[in-house]
N, C-alpha and C. Protein backbone atom coordinates (compact mmCIF):
# COMPACT_ATOMS: atom_id res chain seq x y z
N MET A 1 122.34 30.15 107.96
CA MET A 1 120.92 30.08 107.81
C MET A 1 120.43 29.05 108.78
N ASP A 2 119.34 29.56 109.33
CA ASP A 2 118.75 28.53 110.56
C ASP A 2 117.88 27.58 109.92
N ASP A 3 117.42 26.51 110.67
CA ASP A 3 116.51 25.38 110.13
C ASP A 3 115.52 25.52 109.59
N GLN A 4 114.91 26.66 110.18
CA GLN A 4 113.35 26.97 109.56
C GLN A 4 113.54 27.60 108.39
N SER A 5 114.77 28.36 107.99
CA SER A 5 114.69 29.11 106.84
C SER A 5 115.15 28.24 105.86
N ARG A 6 115.99 27.23 106.25
CA ARG A 6 116.70 26.02 105.28
C ARG A 6 115.58 25.22 104.81
N ARG A 7 114.48 24.79 105.79
CA ARG A 7 113.27 23.96 105.48
C ARG A 7 112.36 24.88 104.31
N TRP A 8 112.13 26.12 104.67
CA TRP A 8 111.33 26.95 103.87
C TRP A 8 111.94 27.06 102.44
N LEU A 9 113.35 27.12 102.24
CA LEU A 9 113.74 27.34 100.98
C LEU A 9 113.63 25.95 100.25
N ASN A 10 114.11 24.87 100.87
CA ASN A 10 113.86 23.46 100.42
C ASN A 10 112.41 23.29 99.80
N ASP A 11 111.28 23.67 100.71
CA ASP A 11 110.10 23.57 100.48
C ASP A 11 109.86 24.24 99.13
N PHE A 12 110.28 25.51 98.94
CA PHE A 12 109.97 26.59 97.85
C PHE A 12 110.55 25.88 96.63
N ARG A 13 111.73 25.44 96.72
CA ARG A 13 112.49 24.80 95.46
C ARG A 13 111.86 23.63 95.03
N SER A 14 111.07 22.86 95.91
CA SER A 14 110.08 21.74 95.36
C SER A 14 108.92 22.00 94.57
N LYS A 15 108.55 23.35 94.63
CA LYS A 15 107.17 23.83 94.03
C LYS A 15 107.36 23.75 92.60
N PRO A 16 106.50 23.75 91.79
CA PRO A 16 106.84 23.98 90.22
C PRO A 16 107.00 25.25 89.76
N PHE A 17 106.54 26.40 90.57
CA PHE A 17 106.78 27.84 90.40
C PHE A 17 107.96 28.19 90.57
N ALA A 18 109.07 27.46 91.43
CA ALA A 18 110.15 27.74 91.78
C ALA A 18 111.21 27.95 90.34
N ILE A 19 110.81 27.19 89.32
CA ILE A 19 111.63 27.29 88.04
C ILE A 19 110.92 27.95 87.30
N PRO A 20 111.54 29.16 86.88
CA PRO A 20 110.86 30.05 85.77
C PRO A 20 110.75 29.37 84.40
N LEU A 21 109.64 29.58 83.78
CA LEU A 21 109.53 29.04 82.38
C LEU A 21 109.90 30.10 81.35
N SER A 22 110.54 29.55 80.41
CA SER A 22 110.83 30.67 79.24
C SER A 22 109.47 30.98 78.53
N LEU A 23 109.47 32.24 78.43
CA LEU A 23 108.14 32.84 77.57
C LEU A 23 107.66 32.11 76.33
N ASP A 24 108.69 31.74 75.40
CA ASP A 24 108.36 31.13 74.11
C ASP A 24 107.75 29.69 74.36
N ILE A 25 107.70 29.17 75.45
CA ILE A 25 107.29 27.68 75.54
C ILE A 25 105.83 27.96 76.46
N ILE A 26 105.43 29.09 76.79
CA ILE A 26 104.10 29.11 77.45
C ILE A 26 102.93 28.83 76.49
N ASP A 27 102.03 27.82 77.00
CA ASP A 27 100.94 27.55 76.42
C ASP A 27 99.75 28.48 76.95
N VAL A 28 99.13 29.43 76.33
CA VAL A 28 98.03 30.26 76.80
C VAL A 28 96.76 29.44 77.20
N ASN A 29 96.63 28.37 76.73
CA ASN A 29 95.53 27.53 76.92
C ASN A 29 95.58 26.97 78.60
N ARG A 30 96.74 27.04 79.12
CA ARG A 30 96.90 26.54 80.37
C ARG A 30 96.80 27.59 81.31
N TYR A 31 96.57 28.79 81.09
CA TYR A 31 96.51 30.00 81.91
C TYR A 31 95.26 30.87 81.77
N SER A 32 94.67 31.42 82.64
CA SER A 32 93.50 32.25 82.58
C SER A 32 93.86 33.74 82.62
N SER A 33 95.17 34.05 83.14
CA SER A 33 95.63 35.38 83.18
C SER A 33 97.00 35.44 83.30
N ILE A 34 97.59 36.64 83.16
CA ILE A 34 99.09 37.03 83.39
C ILE A 34 99.12 38.15 84.05
N VAL A 35 100.22 38.25 84.88
CA VAL A 35 100.37 39.42 85.78
C VAL A 35 101.88 39.99 85.37
N LEU A 36 101.70 41.09 85.13
CA LEU A 36 103.13 41.80 85.05
C LEU A 36 103.27 42.95 86.05
N PRO A 37 104.19 42.39 87.19
CA PRO A 37 104.37 43.34 88.54
C PRO A 37 105.12 44.47 88.07
N HIS A 38 105.03 45.42 89.00
CA HIS A 38 105.87 46.66 89.05
C HIS A 38 107.29 46.23 89.03
N ALA A 39 108.10 46.51 88.18
CA ALA A 39 109.45 46.10 87.95
C ALA A 39 110.35 47.47 87.39
N PRO A 40 111.06 48.09 87.91
CA PRO A 40 111.76 49.20 87.35
C PRO A 40 112.52 48.92 86.04
N GLY A 41 113.18 47.59 85.85
CA GLY A 41 113.80 47.33 84.80
C GLY A 41 112.79 46.73 83.56
N ALA A 42 111.76 46.96 83.77
CA ALA A 42 110.65 46.57 82.69
C ALA A 42 110.87 47.57 81.42
N THR A 43 111.33 49.07 81.71
CA THR A 43 111.49 49.83 80.71
C THR A 43 112.56 49.40 79.77
N GLN A 44 113.31 48.53 80.22
CA GLN A 44 114.49 48.12 79.31
C GLN A 44 114.31 46.73 78.85
N ASP A 45 113.87 45.89 79.76
CA ASP A 45 113.85 44.22 79.62
C ASP A 45 112.59 43.86 78.84
N LEU A 46 111.54 44.48 79.15
CA LEU A 46 110.24 44.01 78.50
C LEU A 46 109.89 44.72 77.30
N VAL A 47 109.94 46.13 77.46
CA VAL A 47 109.39 46.94 76.29
C VAL A 47 109.34 46.45 75.04
N HIS A 48 110.39 45.76 74.54
CA HIS A 48 110.48 45.13 73.21
C HIS A 48 110.69 43.81 73.11
N ASP A 49 110.37 43.01 74.10
CA ASP A 49 110.54 41.57 74.25
C ASP A 49 109.62 40.92 73.36
N LYS A 50 110.00 40.26 72.10
CA LYS A 50 109.15 39.52 71.28
C LYS A 50 108.25 38.51 71.84
N ASP A 51 108.91 37.70 72.72
CA ASP A 51 108.18 36.67 73.21
C ASP A 51 107.00 36.99 74.18
N LEU A 52 107.24 38.04 74.87
CA LEU A 52 106.27 38.70 76.01
C LEU A 52 105.06 39.31 74.88
N GLY A 53 105.61 39.99 73.81
CA GLY A 53 104.65 40.48 73.01
C GLY A 53 103.74 39.44 72.33
N GLN A 54 104.23 38.54 71.99
CA GLN A 54 103.62 37.36 71.33
C GLN A 54 102.43 36.64 72.25
N LEU A 55 103.03 36.42 73.62
CA LEU A 55 102.09 35.84 74.51
C LEU A 55 100.95 36.91 74.84
N LEU A 56 101.43 38.21 75.09
CA LEU A 56 100.33 39.03 75.41
C LEU A 56 99.40 39.29 74.20
N CYS A 57 99.70 39.18 72.88
CA CYS A 57 98.70 39.19 71.93
C CYS A 57 97.81 37.93 71.94
N GLN A 58 98.42 36.83 72.39
CA GLN A 58 97.42 35.61 72.41
C GLN A 58 96.45 35.78 73.53
N PHE A 59 96.92 36.42 74.58
CA PHE A 59 95.98 36.55 75.73
C PHE A 59 95.02 37.46 75.26
N VAL A 60 95.23 38.62 74.58
CA VAL A 60 94.36 39.62 74.06
C VAL A 60 93.36 38.77 73.07
N ARG A 61 93.91 38.09 72.21
CA ARG A 61 92.91 37.36 71.07
C ARG A 61 92.15 36.27 71.85
N HIS A 62 92.52 35.69 72.80
CA HIS A 62 91.51 34.66 73.44
C HIS A 62 90.77 35.39 74.60
N LYS A 63 90.81 36.59 74.57
CA LYS A 63 90.35 37.50 75.98
C LYS A 63 90.45 36.97 77.01
N LYS A 64 91.62 36.52 77.32
CA LYS A 64 92.27 36.21 78.79
C LYS A 64 92.65 37.51 79.62
N LEU A 65 92.78 37.44 80.71
CA LEU A 65 92.94 38.51 81.60
C LEU A 65 94.45 38.87 81.65
N VAL A 66 94.73 40.16 81.43
CA VAL A 66 96.16 40.54 81.58
C VAL A 66 96.01 41.67 82.66
N CYS A 67 96.87 41.83 83.56
CA CYS A 67 97.35 42.71 84.65
C CYS A 67 98.67 43.18 84.63
N ALA A 68 98.79 44.41 84.83
CA ALA A 68 99.96 44.97 84.71
C ALA A 68 100.12 46.10 85.79
N ILE A 69 101.37 46.44 86.70
CA ILE A 69 101.18 47.34 87.65
C ILE A 69 102.51 48.23 87.57
N GLY A 70 102.25 49.62 87.76
CA GLY A 70 103.46 50.45 87.76
C GLY A 70 104.51 50.32 86.40
N MET A 71 105.73 50.24 86.73
CA MET A 71 106.58 50.00 85.58
C MET A 71 106.29 48.56 84.91
N GLY A 72 105.67 47.86 85.41
CA GLY A 72 105.40 46.72 84.62
C GLY A 72 104.42 46.67 83.44
N VAL A 73 103.58 47.91 83.47
CA VAL A 73 102.87 48.41 82.12
C VAL A 73 103.60 48.50 81.03
N SER A 74 105.03 48.73 81.16
CA SER A 74 105.97 48.83 79.95
C SER A 74 105.99 47.58 79.07
N GLY A 75 105.77 46.36 79.78
CA GLY A 75 105.84 45.20 79.22
C GLY A 75 104.49 45.18 78.16
N LEU A 76 103.45 45.69 78.47
CA LEU A 76 102.41 45.89 77.56
C LEU A 76 102.80 46.35 76.06
N PHE A 77 103.73 47.29 76.10
CA PHE A 77 104.00 47.79 74.79
C PHE A 77 104.74 46.96 73.90
N SER A 78 105.08 45.68 74.18
CA SER A 78 106.03 44.84 73.28
C SER A 78 104.65 44.01 72.50
N ALA A 79 103.36 44.10 73.01
CA ALA A 79 102.27 43.46 72.40
C ALA A 79 101.83 44.01 70.87
N LYS A 80 102.52 43.69 69.81
CA LYS A 80 102.26 44.23 68.55
C LYS A 80 101.62 43.01 67.84
N LYS A 81 100.47 43.42 67.08
CA LYS A 81 99.81 42.51 66.40
C LYS A 81 100.80 42.12 65.20
N GLU A 82 100.94 40.84 64.77
CA GLU A 82 101.63 40.28 63.67
C GLU A 82 100.94 40.84 62.49
N GLU A 83 99.71 40.86 62.11
CA GLU A 83 99.19 41.42 60.72
C GLU A 83 99.48 42.66 60.50
N ASP A 84 99.51 43.62 61.47
CA ASP A 84 99.71 45.17 61.10
C ASP A 84 100.78 45.90 62.08
N GLN A 85 101.35 45.18 62.91
CA GLN A 85 102.21 45.91 63.73
C GLN A 85 101.60 46.90 64.55
N LYS A 86 100.26 46.97 64.92
CA LYS A 86 99.55 47.80 65.67
C LYS A 86 99.55 47.24 67.04
N TRP A 87 99.55 48.15 68.07
CA TRP A 87 99.49 47.80 69.49
C TRP A 87 98.19 46.96 69.73
N ALA A 88 98.42 45.92 70.42
CA ALA A 88 97.16 45.13 70.89
C ALA A 88 96.43 45.66 71.56
N PHE A 89 96.92 46.70 72.52
CA PHE A 89 95.94 47.49 73.56
C PHE A 89 95.55 48.73 73.18
N LYS A 90 95.64 49.21 71.93
CA LYS A 90 95.26 50.37 71.22
C LYS A 90 93.86 50.71 71.63
N SER A 91 93.59 51.81 72.04
CA SER A 91 92.04 52.32 72.33
C SER A 91 91.70 51.74 73.79
N TYR A 92 92.62 50.94 74.46
CA TYR A 92 92.27 50.52 75.69
C TYR A 92 92.49 51.65 76.87
N SER A 93 91.66 51.93 77.89
CA SER A 93 92.21 52.72 79.09
C SER A 93 92.93 52.05 79.77
N LEU A 94 93.93 52.84 80.47
CA LEU A 94 95.00 52.05 81.24
C LEU A 94 95.63 53.12 82.11
N THR A 95 96.39 52.67 83.22
CA THR A 95 97.31 53.35 83.86
C THR A 95 98.53 52.79 84.07
N GLY A 96 99.55 53.43 84.73
CA GLY A 96 100.94 53.00 85.01
C GLY A 96 101.63 54.11 85.63
N ALA A 97 102.96 53.87 85.75
CA ALA A 97 103.88 54.77 86.53
C ALA A 97 103.60 56.34 85.83
N SER A 98 103.19 57.34 86.37
CA SER A 98 102.91 58.62 85.84
C SER A 98 104.21 59.33 85.77
N VAL A 99 104.22 60.41 84.78
CA VAL A 99 105.32 61.25 84.72
C VAL A 99 105.64 61.97 85.94
N LEU A 100 104.65 62.33 86.67
CA LEU A 100 104.67 63.01 88.12
C LEU A 100 105.39 62.07 88.94
N GLU A 101 105.08 61.00 89.06
CA GLU A 101 105.67 60.00 89.87
C GLU A 101 107.27 59.71 89.68
N LEU A 102 107.46 59.70 88.26
CA LEU A 102 108.65 58.97 87.69
C LEU A 102 109.73 60.21 87.94
N CYS A 103 109.31 61.57 87.76
CA CYS A 103 110.24 62.61 87.50
C CYS A 103 110.87 62.85 89.06
N ARG A 104 110.39 62.34 90.13
CA ARG A 104 110.80 62.42 91.51
C ARG A 104 112.29 61.55 91.52
N TYR A 105 112.58 60.65 90.67
CA TYR A 105 113.69 59.77 90.74
C TYR A 105 114.89 60.32 90.04
N SER A 106 115.99 60.10 90.58
CA SER A 106 117.28 60.47 90.00
C SER A 106 117.49 59.91 88.72
N ASN A 107 117.05 58.80 88.25
CA ASN A 107 117.25 58.14 87.01
C ASN A 107 116.22 58.57 86.06
N PHE A 108 115.34 59.45 86.13
CA PHE A 108 114.24 59.77 85.38
C PHE A 108 114.89 60.23 83.82
N SER A 109 115.95 60.84 83.58
CA SER A 109 116.33 61.32 82.50
C SER A 109 117.06 60.19 81.82
N THR A 110 117.40 59.10 82.57
CA THR A 110 118.02 57.98 81.64
C THR A 110 117.00 56.92 81.17
N LEU A 111 115.56 57.08 81.45
CA LEU A 111 114.69 56.05 81.33
C LEU A 111 114.43 55.98 79.77
N LYS A 112 114.42 54.79 79.34
CA LYS A 112 114.19 54.64 77.67
C LYS A 112 112.71 54.71 77.40
N VAL A 113 111.92 54.63 78.41
CA VAL A 113 110.40 54.56 78.15
C VAL A 113 109.66 55.21 79.56
N VAL A 114 108.91 56.16 79.09
CA VAL A 114 108.11 56.82 80.12
C VAL A 114 106.68 56.15 79.77
N PRO A 115 106.09 55.18 80.77
CA PRO A 115 104.91 54.50 80.27
C PRO A 115 103.62 55.54 79.94
N GLU A 116 103.52 56.48 80.61
CA GLU A 116 102.54 57.58 80.39
C GLU A 116 102.62 57.88 79.04
N ASP A 117 103.68 58.51 78.48
CA ASP A 117 103.91 58.93 77.15
C ASP A 117 103.81 58.04 76.20
N MET A 118 104.35 56.73 76.35
CA MET A 118 104.41 55.64 75.50
C MET A 118 102.85 55.23 75.23
N ALA A 119 102.18 54.96 76.17
CA ALA A 119 100.78 54.37 76.06
C ALA A 119 100.11 55.47 75.20
N ARG A 120 100.22 56.72 75.46
CA ARG A 120 99.40 57.79 74.52
C ARG A 120 99.88 57.77 73.09
N ASP A 121 101.10 57.63 72.90
CA ASP A 121 101.80 57.60 71.68
C ASP A 121 101.41 56.37 70.95
N LEU A 122 100.89 55.23 71.57
CA LEU A 122 100.52 54.11 70.88
C LEU A 122 98.90 54.06 70.82
N GLY A 123 98.29 55.05 71.15
CA GLY A 123 96.95 54.99 71.02
C GLY A 123 95.99 54.65 72.18
N GLY A 124 96.77 54.41 73.43
CA GLY A 124 96.01 54.10 74.73
C GLY A 124 95.36 55.40 75.34
N HIS A 125 94.61 55.14 76.22
CA HIS A 125 93.86 56.35 77.05
C HIS A 125 94.20 56.02 78.51
N PHE A 126 95.24 56.86 78.61
CA PHE A 126 96.20 56.70 79.94
C PHE A 126 95.47 57.81 80.92
N SER A 127 95.42 57.39 82.11
CA SER A 127 94.95 58.18 83.28
C SER A 127 95.70 57.88 84.63
N ALA A 128 95.89 58.90 85.25
CA ALA A 128 96.85 58.80 86.46
C ALA A 128 96.19 59.58 87.55
N SER A 129 96.42 59.12 88.88
CA SER A 129 96.06 60.04 89.88
C SER A 129 96.88 61.26 89.86
N GLY A 130 96.32 62.28 90.48
CA GLY A 130 97.26 63.53 90.53
C GLY A 130 98.00 63.53 91.92
N GLU A 131 97.81 62.58 92.72
CA GLU A 131 98.64 62.45 94.00
C GLU A 131 99.53 61.18 93.64
N PRO A 132 100.91 61.59 93.65
CA PRO A 132 101.84 60.41 93.80
C PRO A 132 101.63 59.35 94.60
N GLU A 133 101.86 58.17 94.40
CA GLU A 133 101.64 56.98 95.23
C GLU A 133 100.28 56.79 95.57
N ALA A 134 99.37 57.39 95.08
CA ALA A 134 97.86 57.19 95.46
C ALA A 134 97.61 55.86 94.76
N VAL A 135 96.48 55.19 95.39
CA VAL A 135 95.86 53.81 94.78
C VAL A 135 95.04 54.46 93.64
N HIS A 136 95.34 53.93 92.17
CA HIS A 136 94.65 54.19 91.06
C HIS A 136 94.77 52.99 90.26
N VAL A 137 93.50 52.52 89.73
CA VAL A 137 93.57 51.28 89.16
C VAL A 137 92.47 51.39 87.95
N CYS A 138 92.66 50.97 86.77
CA CYS A 138 91.80 50.98 85.54
C CYS A 138 91.55 49.60 85.02
N VAL A 139 90.30 49.41 84.80
CA VAL A 139 89.74 48.11 84.29
C VAL A 139 89.07 48.42 83.05
N ASP A 140 89.59 47.74 81.87
CA ASP A 140 89.08 47.95 80.56
C ASP A 140 89.08 46.63 79.96
N ARG A 141 88.02 46.09 79.74
CA ARG A 141 87.90 44.89 79.06
C ARG A 141 88.50 43.64 79.73
N ASN A 142 89.50 43.03 79.21
CA ASN A 142 90.45 42.18 79.94
C ASN A 142 91.59 42.66 80.41
N LEU A 143 91.86 43.92 80.38
CA LEU A 143 93.06 44.39 81.02
C LEU A 143 92.73 45.26 82.27
N VAL A 144 93.43 44.81 83.18
CA VAL A 144 93.66 45.46 84.66
C VAL A 144 95.00 46.19 84.78
N THR A 145 95.02 47.33 85.13
CA THR A 145 96.36 48.27 85.25
C THR A 145 96.30 48.99 86.71
N GLY A 146 97.43 48.84 87.29
CA GLY A 146 97.40 49.72 88.53
C GLY A 146 98.58 50.67 88.30
N GLN A 147 98.35 51.89 88.98
CA GLN A 147 99.46 52.98 88.65
C GLN A 147 100.81 52.88 89.12
N ASN A 148 100.95 52.05 90.30
CA ASN A 148 102.16 52.10 91.23
C ASN A 148 101.94 50.97 92.24
N GLU A 149 102.99 50.68 92.84
CA GLU A 149 103.16 49.75 93.72
C GLU A 149 101.96 49.66 94.84
N ALA A 150 101.57 51.00 95.13
CA ALA A 150 100.49 50.97 96.03
C ALA A 150 99.24 50.54 95.71
N SER A 151 98.94 50.50 94.35
CA SER A 151 97.79 49.82 93.61
C SER A 151 97.82 48.51 93.50
N THR A 152 98.95 47.63 93.81
CA THR A 152 98.98 46.25 93.67
C THR A 152 97.77 45.57 94.31
N LEU A 153 97.56 45.46 95.32
CA LEU A 153 96.52 44.88 95.93
C LEU A 153 95.12 44.99 95.40
N THR A 154 94.75 46.32 95.02
CA THR A 154 93.57 46.68 94.44
C THR A 154 93.52 46.07 93.13
N ALA A 155 94.54 46.05 92.38
CA ALA A 155 94.50 45.80 90.86
C ALA A 155 94.41 44.16 91.00
N VAL A 156 95.04 43.58 91.75
CA VAL A 156 95.00 42.08 92.00
C VAL A 156 93.60 41.56 92.27
N GLN A 157 92.98 42.27 93.38
CA GLN A 157 91.68 42.08 93.76
C GLN A 157 90.78 42.32 92.34
N ASN A 158 90.91 43.12 91.71
CA ASN A 158 90.14 43.26 90.57
C ASN A 158 90.28 42.08 89.49
N LEU A 159 91.62 41.73 89.49
CA LEU A 159 91.94 40.56 88.54
C LEU A 159 91.12 39.36 88.98
N VAL A 160 91.26 39.06 90.47
CA VAL A 160 90.48 37.78 90.84
C VAL A 160 89.03 37.71 90.76
N LEU A 161 88.47 38.99 90.84
CA LEU A 161 87.16 39.22 90.88
C LEU A 161 86.69 38.78 89.18
N LEU A 162 87.52 39.36 88.36
CA LEU A 162 87.15 39.02 87.00
C LEU A 162 87.38 37.78 86.66
N ALA A 163 88.33 37.26 87.18
CA ALA A 163 88.75 35.60 86.94
C ALA A 163 87.52 34.76 87.38
N ASN A 164 87.03 35.00 88.67
CA ASN A 164 85.89 34.48 89.17
C ASN A 164 84.67 34.49 88.30
N GLN A 165 84.48 35.83 87.84
CA GLN A 165 83.36 35.97 87.03
C GLN A 165 83.46 35.16 85.73
N ASN A 166 84.51 35.08 85.26
CA ASN A 166 84.84 34.33 83.87
C ASN A 166 84.44 32.81 84.03
N GLN A 167 84.72 32.31 85.29
CA GLN A 167 84.58 30.91 85.60
C GLN A 167 83.12 30.52 85.46
N ARG A 168 82.08 31.30 85.62
CA ARG A 168 80.93 31.01 85.62
C ARG A 168 80.21 30.83 84.35
């Protein structure tokens, strides 16, 4: 490792965000938004994560911004309301990795969750571009979703615009 890389790494380690926090200790009052980035493992790790589900439900209840992109949309499925176990994003319009995009991958048959199907099964209004890897973003109330990695910049730009609007 060269000196410049070593300095960068040491500088990074000194920043508060270098140490991830456990989801069960997050105070929603300290945050204006949450972002679930595209992550292929989300269909296994996040889809049933109770801590993430409770956190997302608090964000919805407090009308805080939620952004999910690509396979990260699978994390939204963990958000079940305590009182009736209904999905917190039921009736929301959203997008995420489409069946058309996912079926091109060799591991498609082993996926535990297909976001497009799960969103519809839970009562969401799913939309996707007919072109794989095209930029496609949905904004509905406090939820911003991007279809795939190509949609990341546009989704985050929408999130920032909404956050700035909420500060007024």
